[in-house]
PDB file of N, CA and C in Angstrom:
ATOM      1  N   ILE A   1       7.585  21.956  23.340  1.00  0.00           N
ATOM      2  CA  ILE A   1       6.819  23.164  23.586  1.00  0.00           C
ATOM      3  C   ILE A   1       7.766  24.326  23.873  1.00  0.00           C
ATOM      4  N   GLN A   2       8.798  24.044  24.629  1.00  0.00           N
ATOM      5  CA  GLN A   2       9.748  25.116  24.934  1.00  0.00           C
ATOM      6  C   GLN A   2      10.444  25.612  23.671  1.00  0.00           C
ATOM      7  N   TYR A   3      10.770  24.722  22.768  1.00  0.00           N
ATOM      8  CA  TYR A   3      11.390  25.123  21.507  1.00  0.00           C
ATOM      9  C   TYR A   3      10.457  26.054  20.732  1.00  0.00           C
ATOM     10  N   ILE A   4       9.183  25.722  20.656  1.00  0.00           N
ATOM     11  CA  ILE A   4       8.208  26.547  19.943  1.00  0.00           C
ATOM     12  C   ILE A   4       8.139  27.933  20.582  1.00  0.00           C
ATOM     13  N   LYS A   5       8.138  27.980  21.918  1.00  0.00           N
ATOM     14  CA  LYS A   5       8.148  29.270  22.612  1.00  0.00           C
ATOM     15  C   LYS A   5       9.422  30.048  22.322  1.00  0.00           C
ATOM     16  N   ASN A   6      10.564  29.389  22.447  1.00  0.00           N
ATOM     17  CA  ASN A   6      11.854  30.062  22.237  1.00  0.00           C
ATOM     18  C   ASN A   6      11.985  30.628  20.833  1.00  0.00           C
ATOM     19  N   GLU A   7      11.498  29.897  19.861  1.00  0.00           N
ATOM     20  CA  GLU A   7      11.604  30.316  18.456  1.00  0.00           C
ATOM     21  C   GLU A   7      10.454  31.228  18.043  1.00  0.00           C
ATOM     22  N   ARG A   8       9.518  31.432  18.965  1.00  0.00           N
ATOM     23  CA  ARG A   8       8.351  32.294  18.722  1.00  0.00           C
ATOM     24  C   ARG A   8       7.572  31.850  17.494  1.00  0.00           C
ATOM     25  N   LEU A   9       7.385  30.548  17.371  1.00  0.00           N
ATOM     26  CA  LEU A   9       6.611  29.995  16.263  1.00  0.00           C
ATOM     27  C   LEU A   9       5.125  30.150  16.557  1.00  0.00           C
ATOM     28  N   ALA A  10       4.351  30.325  15.518  1.00  0.00           N
ATOM     29  CA  ALA A  10       2.908  30.471  15.656  1.00  0.00           C
ATOM     30  C   ALA A  10       2.241  29.799  14.470  1.00  0.00           C
ATOM     31  N   GLY A  11       0.974  29.452  14.641  1.00  0.00           N
ATOM     32  CA  GLY A  11       0.225  28.865  13.539  1.00  0.00           C
ATOM     33  C   GLY A  11      -0.513  27.619  13.958  1.00  0.00           C
ATOM     34  N   ASN A  12      -0.822  26.805  12.976  1.00  0.00           N
ATOM     35  CA  ASN A  12      -1.595  25.585  13.176  1.00  0.00           C
ATOM     36  C   ASN A  12      -0.658  24.401  13.414  1.00  0.00           C
ATOM     37  N   LEU A  13      -0.830  23.763  14.553  1.00  0.00           N
ATOM     38  CA  LEU A  13       0.024  22.638  14.930  1.00  0.00           C
ATOM     39  C   LEU A  13      -0.765  21.343  14.885  1.00  0.00           C
ATOM     40  N   LEU A  14      -0.205  20.368  14.247  1.00  0.00           N
ATOM     41  CA  LEU A  14      -0.769  19.021  14.186  1.00  0.00           C
ATOM     42  C   LEU A  14      -0.031  18.190  15.226  1.00  0.00           C
ATOM     43  N   PRO A  15      -0.630  18.014  16.420  1.00  0.00           N
ATOM     44  CA  PRO A  15       0.093  17.360  17.510  1.00  0.00           C
ATOM     45  C   PRO A  15      -0.215  15.874  17.642  1.00  0.00           C
ATOM     46  N   GLU A  16       0.674  15.208  18.312  1.00  0.00           N
ATOM     47  CA  GLU A  16       0.384  13.869  18.827  1.00  0.00           C
ATOM     48  C   GLU A  16      -0.860  14.016  19.702  1.00  0.00           C
ATOM     49  N   PHE A  17      -1.777  13.068  19.603  1.00  0.00           N
ATOM     50  CA  PHE A  17      -3.074  13.205  20.270  1.00  0.00           C
ATOM     51  C   PHE A  17      -2.943  13.531  21.755  1.00  0.00           C
ATOM     52  N   ASP A  18      -2.111  12.799  22.462  1.00  0.00           N
ATOM     53  CA  ASP A  18      -1.998  12.979  23.910  1.00  0.00           C
ATOM     54  C   ASP A  18      -1.433  14.338  24.311  1.00  0.00           C
ATOM     55  N   TRP A  19      -0.857  15.064  23.384  1.00  0.00           N
ATOM     56  CA  TRP A  19      -0.216  16.335  23.692  1.00  0.00           C
ATOM     57  C   TRP A  19      -1.059  17.545  23.313  1.00  0.00           C
ATOM     58  N   GLY A  20      -2.181  17.339  22.658  1.00  0.00           N
ATOM     59  CA  GLY A  20      -2.994  18.446  22.152  1.00  0.00           C
ATOM     60  C   GLY A  20      -3.431  19.432  23.216  1.00  0.00           C
ATOM     61  N   GLU A  21      -3.936  18.925  24.332  1.00  0.00           N
ATOM     62  CA  GLU A  21      -4.419  19.823  25.383  1.00  0.00           C
ATOM     63  C   GLU A  21      -3.272  20.569  26.059  1.00  0.00           C
ATOM     64  N   LEU A  22      -2.128  19.923  26.221  1.00  0.00           N
ATOM     65  CA  LEU A  22      -0.960  20.600  26.788  1.00  0.00           C
ATOM     66  C   LEU A  22      -0.506  21.729  25.865  1.00  0.00           C
ATOM     67  N   VAL A  23      -0.528  21.489  24.572  1.00  0.00           N
ATOM     68  CA  VAL A  23      -0.173  22.529  23.611  1.00  0.00           C
ATOM     69  C   VAL A  23      -1.154  23.693  23.721  1.00  0.00           C
ATOM     70  N   LEU A  24      -2.446  23.387  23.786  1.00  0.00           N
ATOM     71  CA  LEU A  24      -3.444  24.446  23.942  1.00  0.00           C
ATOM     72  C   LEU A  24      -3.169  25.277  25.193  1.00  0.00           C
ATOM     73  N   PHE A  25      -2.927  24.607  26.300  1.00  0.00           N
ATOM     74  CA  PHE A  25      -2.682  25.284  27.565  1.00  0.00           C
ATOM     75  C   PHE A  25      -1.412  26.130  27.521  1.00  0.00           C
ATOM     76  N   SER A  26      -0.378  25.608  26.893  1.00  0.00           N
ATOM     77  CA  SER A  26       0.943  26.250  26.920  1.00  0.00           C
ATOM     78  C   SER A  26       1.168  27.301  25.838  1.00  0.00           C
ATOM     79  N   LEU A  27       0.521  27.146  24.693  1.00  0.00           N
ATOM     80  CA  LEU A  27       0.879  27.979  23.544  1.00  0.00           C
ATOM     81  C   LEU A  27      -0.265  28.801  22.946  1.00  0.00           C
ATOM     82  N   SER A  28      -1.468  28.614  23.442  1.00  0.00           N
ATOM     83  CA  SER A  28      -2.606  29.354  22.911  1.00  0.00           C
ATOM     84  C   SER A  28      -2.515  30.815  23.325  1.00  0.00           C
ATOM     85  N   PRO A  29      -2.890  31.753  22.527  1.00  0.00           N
ATOM     86  CA  PRO A  29      -3.602  31.664  21.254  1.00  0.00           C
ATOM     87  C   PRO A  29      -2.691  31.671  20.025  1.00  0.00           C
ATOM     88  N   GLU A  30      -1.379  31.795  20.213  1.00  0.00           N
ATOM     89  CA  GLU A  30      -0.473  31.853  19.064  1.00  0.00           C
ATOM     90  C   GLU A  30      -0.444  30.557  18.263  1.00  0.00           C
ATOM     91  N   VAL A  31      -0.671  29.445  18.959  1.00  0.00           N
ATOM     92  CA  VAL A  31      -0.665  28.133  18.307  1.00  0.00           C
ATOM     93  C   VAL A  31      -2.028  27.492  18.491  1.00  0.00           C
ATOM     94  N   ARG A  32      -2.584  27.010  17.397  1.00  0.00           N
ATOM     95  CA  ARG A  32      -3.866  26.300  17.405  1.00  0.00           C
ATOM     96  C   ARG A  32      -3.598  24.833  17.080  1.00  0.00           C
ATOM     97  N   VAL A  33      -4.360  23.934  17.684  1.00  0.00           N
ATOM     98  CA  VAL A  33      -4.132  22.509  17.467  1.00  0.00           C
ATOM     99  C   VAL A  33      -5.160  21.915  16.518  1.00  0.00           C
ATOM    100  N   ALA A  34      -4.736  20.891  15.794  1.00  0.00           N
ATOM    101  CA  ALA A  34      -5.613  20.200  14.865  1.00  0.00           C
ATOM    102  C   ALA A  34      -6.493  19.176  15.565  1.00  0.00           C
ATOM    103  N   MET A  35      -6.046  18.694  16.721  1.00  0.00           N
ATOM    104  CA  MET A  35      -6.820  17.675  17.434  1.00  0.00           C
ATOM    105  C   MET A  35      -6.343  17.635  18.873  1.00  0.00           C
ATOM    106  N   ASP A  36      -7.282  17.348  19.780  1.00  0.00           N
ATOM    107  CA  ASP A  36      -6.941  17.200  21.186  1.00  0.00           C
ATOM    108  C   ASP A  36      -7.990  16.313  21.847  1.00  0.00           C
ATOM    109  N   GLY A  37      -7.901  16.176  23.153  1.00  0.00           N
ATOM    110  CA  GLY A  37      -8.748  15.256  23.896  1.00  0.00           C
ATOM    111  C   GLY A  37     -10.231  15.565  23.874  1.00  0.00           C
ATOM    112  N   ARG A  38     -10.619  16.721  23.362  1.00  0.00           N
ATOM    113  CA  ARG A  38     -12.040  17.058  23.260  1.00  0.00           C
ATOM    114  C   ARG A  38     -12.656  16.498  21.986  1.00  0.00           C
ATOM    115  N   TYR A  39     -11.951  15.598  21.319  1.00  0.00           N
ATOM    116  CA  TYR A  39     -12.347  15.154  19.988  1.00  0.00           C
ATOM    117  C   TYR A  39     -13.764  14.620  19.899  1.00  0.00           C
ATOM    118  N   GLU A  40     -14.248  13.994  20.936  1.00  0.00           N
ATOM    119  CA  GLU A  40     -15.594  13.419  20.877  1.00  0.00           C
ATOM    120  C   GLU A  40     -16.686  14.479  20.966  1.00  0.00           C
ATOM    121  N   THR A  41     -16.359  15.656  21.470  1.00  0.00           N
ATOM    122  CA  THR A  41     -17.384  16.675  21.653  1.00  0.00           C
ATOM    123  C   THR A  41     -17.308  17.835  20.667  1.00  0.00           C
ATOM    124  N   ILE A  42     -16.146  18.120  20.108  1.00  0.00           N
ATOM    125  CA  ILE A  42     -16.078  19.302  19.235  1.00  0.00           C
ATOM    126  C   ILE A  42     -15.631  19.031  17.800  1.00  0.00           C
ATOM    127  N   TYR A  43     -15.063  17.865  17.525  1.00  0.00           N
ATOM    128  CA  TYR A  43     -14.596  17.577  16.172  1.00  0.00           C
ATOM    129  C   TYR A  43     -15.559  16.612  15.483  1.00  0.00           C
ATOM    130  N   PRO A  44     -15.879  16.874  14.198  1.00  0.00           N
ATOM    131  CA  PRO A  44     -16.724  15.930  13.461  1.00  0.00           C
ATOM    132  C   PRO A  44     -16.056  14.554  13.374  1.00  0.00           C
ATOM    133  N   ASN A  45     -16.851  13.517  13.355  1.00  0.00           N
ATOM    134  CA  ASN A  45     -16.342  12.142  13.338  1.00  0.00           C
ATOM    135  C   ASN A  45     -15.415  11.886  12.150  1.00  0.00           C
ATOM    136  N   ASP A  46     -15.763  12.383  10.962  1.00  0.00           N
ATOM    137  CA  ASP A  46     -14.907  12.133   9.794  1.00  0.00           C
ATOM    138  C   ASP A  46     -13.541  12.789   9.958  1.00  0.00           C
ATOM    139  N   VAL A  47     -13.478  13.954  10.606  1.00  0.00           N
ATOM    140  CA  VAL A  47     -12.199  14.610  10.865  1.00  0.00           C
ATOM    141  C   VAL A  47     -11.384  13.774  11.848  1.00  0.00           C
ATOM    142  N   CYS A  48     -12.035  13.238  12.859  1.00  0.00           N
ATOM    143  CA  CYS A  48     -11.337  12.378  13.827  1.00  0.00           C
ATOM    144  C   CYS A  48     -10.754  11.151  13.146  1.00  0.00           C
ATOM    145  N   LEU A  49     -11.523  10.522  12.293  1.00  0.00           N
ATOM    146  CA  LEU A  49     -11.038   9.333  11.586  1.00  0.00           C
ATOM    147  C   LEU A  49      -9.839   9.673  10.706  1.00  0.00           C
ATOM    148  N   GLU A  50      -9.904  10.804  10.016  1.00  0.00           N
ATOM    149  CA  GLU A  50      -8.780  11.241   9.175  1.00  0.00           C
ATOM    150  C   GLU A  50      -7.541  11.509  10.031  1.00  0.00           C
ATOM    151  N   TYR A  51      -7.752  12.151  11.175  1.00  0.00           N
ATOM    152  CA  TYR A  51      -6.635  12.440  12.068  1.00  0.00           C
ATOM    153  C   TYR A  51      -5.971  11.148  12.549  1.00  0.00           C
ATOM    154  N   PHE A  52      -6.775  10.190  13.003  1.00  0.00           N
ATOM    155  CA  PHE A  52      -6.194   8.945  13.522  1.00  0.00           C
ATOM    156  C   PHE A  52      -5.527   8.125  12.418  1.00  0.00           C
ATOM    157  N   ASP A  53      -6.001   8.236  11.187  1.00  0.00           N
ATOM    158  CA  ASP A  53      -5.275   7.622  10.069  1.00  0.00           C
ATOM    159  C   ASP A  53      -3.895   8.259   9.942  1.00  0.00           C
ATOM    160  N   PHE A  54      -3.844   9.595  10.057  1.00  0.00           N
ATOM    161  CA  PHE A  54      -2.560  10.290   9.959  1.00  0.00           C
ATOM    162  C   PHE A  54      -1.630   9.887  11.095  1.00  0.00           C
ATOM    163  N   ILE A  55      -2.065  10.071  12.311  1.00  0.00           N
ATOM    164  CA  ILE A  55      -1.186   9.915  13.470  1.00  0.00           C
ATOM    165  C   ILE A  55      -0.677   8.483  13.616  1.00  0.00           C
ATOM    166  N   ASN A  56      -1.435   7.534  13.073  1.00  0.00           N
ATOM    167  CA  ASN A  56      -1.006   6.135  13.127  1.00  0.00           C
ATOM    168  C   ASN A  56      -0.320   5.673  11.843  1.00  0.00           C
ATOM    169  N   GLY A  57      -0.125   6.581  10.891  1.00  0.00           N
ATOM    170  CA  GLY A  57       0.575   6.249   9.653  1.00  0.00           C
ATOM    171  C   GLY A  57      -0.142   5.205   8.817  1.00  0.00           C
ATOM    172  N   ARG A  58      -1.462   5.212   8.871  1.00  0.00           N
ATOM    173  CA  ARG A  58      -2.242   4.240   8.094  1.00  0.00           C
ATOM    174  C   ARG A  58      -2.225   4.581   6.611  1.00  0.00           C
ATOM    175  N   LYS A  59      -2.850   3.730   5.829  1.00  0.00           N
ATOM    176  CA  LYS A  59      -2.813   3.845   4.375  1.00  0.00           C
ATOM    177  C   LYS A  59      -3.179   5.252   3.879  1.00  0.00           C
ATOM    178  N   LYS A  60      -4.183   5.876   4.451  1.00  0.00           N
ATOM    179  CA  LYS A  60      -4.623   7.205   4.004  1.00  0.00           C
ATOM    180  C   LYS A  60      -4.046   8.325   4.873  1.00  0.00           C
ATOM    181  N   TRP A  61      -2.882   8.128   5.436  1.00  0.00           N
ATOM    182  CA  TRP A  61      -2.299   9.089   6.366  1.00  0.00           C
ATOM    183  C   TRP A  61      -2.125  10.477   5.776  1.00  0.00           C
ATOM    184  N   ARG A  62      -1.822  10.573   4.497  1.00  0.00           N
ATOM    185  CA  ARG A  62      -1.546  11.861   3.855  1.00  0.00           C
ATOM    186  C   ARG A  62      -2.782  12.740   3.736  1.00  0.00           C
ATOM    187  N   HIS A  63      -3.954  12.132   3.749  1.00  0.00           N
ATOM    188  CA  HIS A  63      -5.190  12.883   3.533  1.00  0.00           C
ATOM    189  C   HIS A  63      -5.329  14.027   4.536  1.00  0.00           C
ATOM    190  N   PHE A  64      -5.151  13.736   5.820  1.00  0.00           N
ATOM    191  CA  PHE A  64      -5.295  14.769   6.848  1.00  0.00           C
ATOM    192  C   PHE A  64      -4.212  15.838   6.703  1.00  0.00           C
ATOM    193  N   LEU A  65      -3.022  15.425   6.364  1.00  0.00           N
ATOM    194  CA  LEU A  65      -1.906  16.349   6.181  1.00  0.00           C
ATOM    195  C   LEU A  65      -2.172  17.300   5.020  1.00  0.00           C
ATOM    196  N   GLU A  66      -2.713  16.801   3.944  1.00  0.00           N
ATOM    197  CA  GLU A  66      -2.907  17.597   2.741  1.00  0.00           C
ATOM    198  C   GLU A  66      -4.226  18.362   2.721  1.00  0.00           C
ATOM    199  N   LYS A  67      -5.228  17.860   3.402  1.00  0.00           N
ATOM    200  CA  LYS A  67      -6.556  18.471   3.359  1.00  0.00           C
ATOM    201  C   LYS A  67      -6.656  19.729   4.217  1.00  0.00           C
ATOM    202  N   TYR A  68      -5.964  19.748   5.331  1.00  0.00           N
ATOM    203  CA  TYR A  68      -6.076  20.861   6.276  1.00  0.00           C
ATOM    204  C   TYR A  68      -4.767  21.638   6.329  1.00  0.00           C
ATOM    205  N   ASP A  69      -4.870  22.873   6.766  1.00  0.00           N
ATOM    206  CA  ASP A  69      -3.724  23.780   6.809  1.00  0.00           C
ATOM    207  C   ASP A  69      -2.931  23.565   8.097  1.00  0.00           C
ATOM    208  N   HIS A  70      -1.737  23.019   7.977  1.00  0.00           N
ATOM    209  CA  HIS A  70      -0.854  22.794   9.127  1.00  0.00           C
ATOM    210  C   HIS A  70       0.457  23.528   8.891  1.00  0.00           C
ATOM    211  N   ASP A  71       0.962  24.134   9.963  1.00  0.00           N
ATOM    212  CA  ASP A  71       2.254  24.810   9.896  1.00  0.00           C
ATOM    213  C   ASP A  71       3.350  24.011  10.591  1.00  0.00           C
ATOM    214  N   MET A  72       2.932  23.213  11.584  1.00  0.00           N
ATOM    215  CA  MET A  72       3.883  22.433  12.374  1.00  0.00           C
ATOM    216  C   MET A  72       3.272  21.071  12.685  1.00  0.00           C
ATOM    217  N   ILE A  73       4.133  20.091  12.885  1.00  0.00           N
ATOM    218  CA  ILE A  73       3.709  18.746  13.287  1.00  0.00           C
ATOM    219  C   ILE A  73       4.572  18.340  14.470  1.00  0.00           C
ATOM    220  N   LEU A  74       3.932  17.985  15.572  1.00  0.00           N
ATOM    221  CA  LEU A  74       4.644  17.553  16.779  1.00  0.00           C
ATOM    222  C   LEU A  74       4.256  16.106  17.060  1.00  0.00           C
ATOM    223  N   ILE A  75       5.210  15.195  16.874  1.00  0.00           N
ATOM    224  CA  ILE A  75       4.913  13.769  16.985  1.00  0.00           C
ATOM    225  C   ILE A  75       5.947  13.056  17.847  1.00  0.00           C
ATOM    226  N   ARG A  76       5.604  11.855  18.239  1.00  0.00           N
ATOM    227  CA  ARG A  76       6.536  11.026  19.019  1.00  0.00           C
ATOM    228  C   ARG A  76       7.744  10.663  18.158  1.00  0.00           C
ATOM    229  N   ALA A  77       8.896  10.655  18.767  1.00  0.00           N
ATOM    230  CA  ALA A  77      10.120  10.277  18.057  1.00  0.00           C
ATOM    231  C   ALA A  77      10.063   8.829  17.579  1.00  0.00           C
ATOM    232  N   SER A  78       9.310   8.002  18.278  1.00  0.00           N
ATOM    233  CA  SER A  78       9.208   6.583  17.925  1.00  0.00           C
ATOM    234  C   SER A  78       8.160   6.306  16.845  1.00  0.00           C
ATOM    235  N   SER A  79       7.497   7.318  16.365  1.00  0.00           N
ATOM    236  CA  SER A  79       6.428   7.181  15.376  1.00  0.00           C
ATOM    237  C   SER A  79       6.989   6.796  13.999  1.00  0.00           C
ATOM    238  N   ILE A  80       6.128   6.237  13.165  1.00  0.00           N
ATOM    239  CA  ILE A  80       6.474   5.954  11.770  1.00  0.00           C
ATOM    240  C   ILE A  80       6.476   7.228  10.927  1.00  0.00           C
ATOM    241  N   LEU A  81       5.824   8.267  11.432  1.00  0.00           N
ATOM    242  CA  LEU A  81       5.627   9.477  10.645  1.00  0.00           C
ATOM    243  C   LEU A  81       6.913  10.176  10.193  1.00  0.00           C
ATOM    244  N   PRO A  82       7.976  10.232  10.976  1.00  0.00           N
ATOM    245  CA  PRO A  82       9.197  10.864  10.453  1.00  0.00           C
ATOM    246  C   PRO A  82       9.689  10.227   9.150  1.00  0.00           C
ATOM    247  N   LEU A  83       9.579   8.935   9.056  1.00  0.00           N
ATOM    248  CA  LEU A  83       9.985   8.255   7.811  1.00  0.00           C
ATOM    249  C   LEU A  83       9.069   8.639   6.655  1.00  0.00           C
ATOM    250  N   LEU A  84       7.773   8.753   6.939  1.00  0.00           N
ATOM    251  CA  LEU A  84       6.818   9.124   5.898  1.00  0.00           C
ATOM    252  C   LEU A  84       6.995  10.581   5.478  1.00  0.00           C
ATOM    253  N   LEU A  85       7.276  11.456   6.437  1.00  0.00           N
ATOM    254  CA  LEU A  85       7.416  12.881   6.138  1.00  0.00           C
ATOM    255  C   LEU A  85       8.680  13.204   5.350  1.00  0.00           C
ATOM    256  N   LYS A  86       9.655  12.320   5.357  1.00  0.00           N
ATOM    257  CA  LYS A  86      10.879  12.546   4.579  1.00  0.00           C
ATOM    258  C   LYS A  86      10.586  12.690   3.088  1.00  0.00           C
ATOM    259  N   LYS A  87       9.453  12.170   2.648  1.00  0.00           N
ATOM    260  CA  LYS A  87       9.073  12.250   1.234  1.00  0.00           C
ATOM    261  C   LYS A  87       8.522  13.624   0.873  1.00  0.00           C
ATOM    262  N   TYR A  88       8.342  14.477   1.866  1.00  0.00           N
ATOM    263  CA  TYR A  88       7.765  15.798   1.660  1.00  0.00           C
ATOM    264  C   TYR A  88       8.807  16.865   1.986  1.00  0.00           C
ATOM    265  N   PRO A  89       9.482  17.417   0.981  1.00  0.00           N
ATOM    266  CA  PRO A  89      10.560  18.368   1.232  1.00  0.00           C
ATOM    267  C   PRO A  89      10.099  19.671   1.899  1.00  0.00           C
ATOM    268  N   ASP A  90       8.810  19.991   1.846  1.00  0.00           N
ATOM    269  CA  ASP A  90       8.310  21.200   2.502  1.00  0.00           C
ATOM    270  C   ASP A  90       8.263  21.059   4.016  1.00  0.00           C
ATOM    271  N   TRP A  91       8.393  19.837   4.521  1.00  0.00           N
ATOM    272  CA  TRP A  91       8.386  19.596   5.962  1.00  0.00           C
ATOM    273  C   TRP A  91       9.804  19.331   6.431  1.00  0.00           C
ATOM    274  N   GLN A  92      10.317  20.233   7.252  1.00  0.00           N
ATOM    275  CA  GLN A  92      11.686  20.127   7.743  1.00  0.00           C
ATOM    276  C   GLN A  92      11.707  19.849   9.238  1.00  0.00           C
ATOM    277  N   LEU A  93      12.589  18.970   9.642  1.00  0.00           N
ATOM    278  CA  LEU A  93      12.763  18.694  11.059  1.00  0.00           C
ATOM    279  C   LEU A  93      13.396  19.912  11.717  1.00  0.00           C
ATOM    280  N   ALA A  94      12.694  20.486  12.707  1.00  0.00           N
ATOM    281  CA  ALA A  94      13.188  21.677  13.397  1.00  0.00           C
ATOM    282  C   ALA A  94      13.756  21.343  14.767  1.00  0.00           C
ATOM    283  N   TYR A  95      13.228  20.290  15.383  1.00  0.00           N
ATOM    284  CA  TYR A  95      13.656  19.924  16.732  1.00  0.00           C
ATOM    285  C   TYR A  95      13.403  18.443  16.935  1.00  0.00           C
ATOM    286  N   SER A  96      14.291  17.795  17.678  1.00  0.00           N
ATOM    287  CA  SER A  96      14.023  16.407  18.077  1.00  0.00           C
ATOM    288  C   SER A  96      14.781  16.098  19.357  1.00  0.00           C
ATOM    289  N   ASP A  97      14.225  15.188  20.118  1.00  0.00           N
ATOM    290  CA  ASP A  97      14.885  14.629  21.291  1.00  0.00           C
ATOM    291  C   ASP A  97      14.434  13.180  21.404  1.00  0.00           C
ATOM    292  N   ASN A  98      14.633  12.563  22.529  1.00  0.00           N
ATOM    293  CA  ASN A  98      14.262  11.152  22.681  1.00  0.00           C
ATOM    294  C   ASN A  98      12.754  10.926  22.717  1.00  0.00           C
ATOM    295  N   VAL A  99      11.984  11.975  22.945  1.00  0.00           N
ATOM    296  CA  VAL A  99      10.533  11.845  23.096  1.00  0.00           C
ATOM    297  C   VAL A  99       9.766  12.332  21.876  1.00  0.00           C
ATOM    298  N   CYS A 100      10.170  13.470  21.323  1.00  0.00           N
ATOM    299  CA  CYS A 100       9.357  14.080  20.273  1.00  0.00           C
ATOM    300  C   CYS A 100      10.189  14.613  19.123  1.00  0.00           C
ATOM    301  N   MET A 101       9.457  14.909  18.039  1.00  0.00           N
ATOM    302  CA  MET A 101      10.053  15.547  16.869  1.00  0.00           C
ATOM    303  C   MET A 101       9.081  16.625  16.411  1.00  0.00           C
ATOM    304  N   LEU A 102       9.632  17.790  16.085  1.00  0.00           N
ATOM    305  CA  LEU A 102       8.834  18.893  15.573  1.00  0.00           C
ATOM    306  C   LEU A 102       9.238  19.152  14.132  1.00  0.00           C
ATOM    307  N   PHE A 103       8.274  19.027  13.244  1.00  0.00           N
ATOM    308  CA  PHE A 103       8.469  19.357  11.841  1.00  0.00           C
ATOM    309  C   PHE A 103       7.782  20.687  11.573  1.00  0.00           C
ATOM    310  N   VAL A 104       8.436  21.535  10.795  1.00  0.00           N
ATOM    311  CA  VAL A 104       7.902  22.851  10.474  1.00  0.00           C
ATOM    312  C   VAL A 104       7.781  22.968   8.956  1.00  0.00           C
ATOM    313  N   HIS A 105       6.665  23.475   8.519  1.00  0.00           N
ATOM    314  CA  HIS A 105       6.446  23.664   7.083  1.00  0.00           C
ATOM    315  C   HIS A 105       7.300  24.835   6.595  1.00  0.00           C
ATOM    316  N   SER A 106       7.777  24.730   5.387  1.00  0.00           N
ATOM    317  CA  SER A 106       8.675  25.750   4.842  1.00  0.00           C
ATOM    318  C   SER A 106       8.011  27.116   4.713  1.00  0.00           C
ATOM    319  N   SER A 107       6.696  27.185   4.815  1.00  0.00           N
ATOM    320  CA  SER A 107       5.989  28.463   4.665  1.00  0.00           C
ATOM    321  C   SER A 107       6.011  29.329   5.912  1.00  0.00           C
ATOM    322  N   ILE A 108       6.471  28.794   7.057  1.00  0.00           N
ATOM    323  CA  ILE A 108       6.514  29.627   8.269  1.00  0.00           C
ATOM    324  C   ILE A 108       7.947  29.874   8.682  1.00  0.00           C
ATOM    325  N   GLU A 109       8.128  30.963   9.406  1.00  0.00           N
ATOM    326  CA  GLU A 109       9.450  31.334   9.890  1.00  0.00           C
ATOM    327  C   GLU A 109       9.351  31.744  11.343  1.00  0.00           C
ATOM    328  N   ALA A 110      10.457  31.685  12.030  1.00  0.00           N
ATOM    329  CA  ALA A 110      10.499  32.195  13.407  1.00  0.00           C
ATOM    330  C   ALA A 110      10.310  33.699  13.360  1.00  0.00           C
ATOM    331  N   LYS A 111       9.659  34.242  14.386  1.00  0.00           N
ATOM    332  CA  LYS A 111       9.407  35.683  14.447  1.00  0.00           C
ATOM    333  C   LYS A 111      10.513  36.381  15.196  1.00  0.00           C
TER     334      LYS A 111
END
């Protein structure tokens, strides 16, 4: 989150589920999240299923990534997703540490 603030990034962020509300609290309104803990009350069930396929790297993981407009992806460093995202040259690793990895789409730039 601090990296996103420092780089003044803005746009649609696809976060690790457990981090969605923290992102909303810390970065809103410049950053909007694709999913957060309110999923049972504000997101349609089919969107939730697509999201969980993505975040868990299931067979249809790409569907959520390709169907919706995302500028950034914030995921656990231990996730399978970094390996899967390597196949997509438009997604570049912008930040990583022992806990998380931030991928940024080539269409956005720091302000």
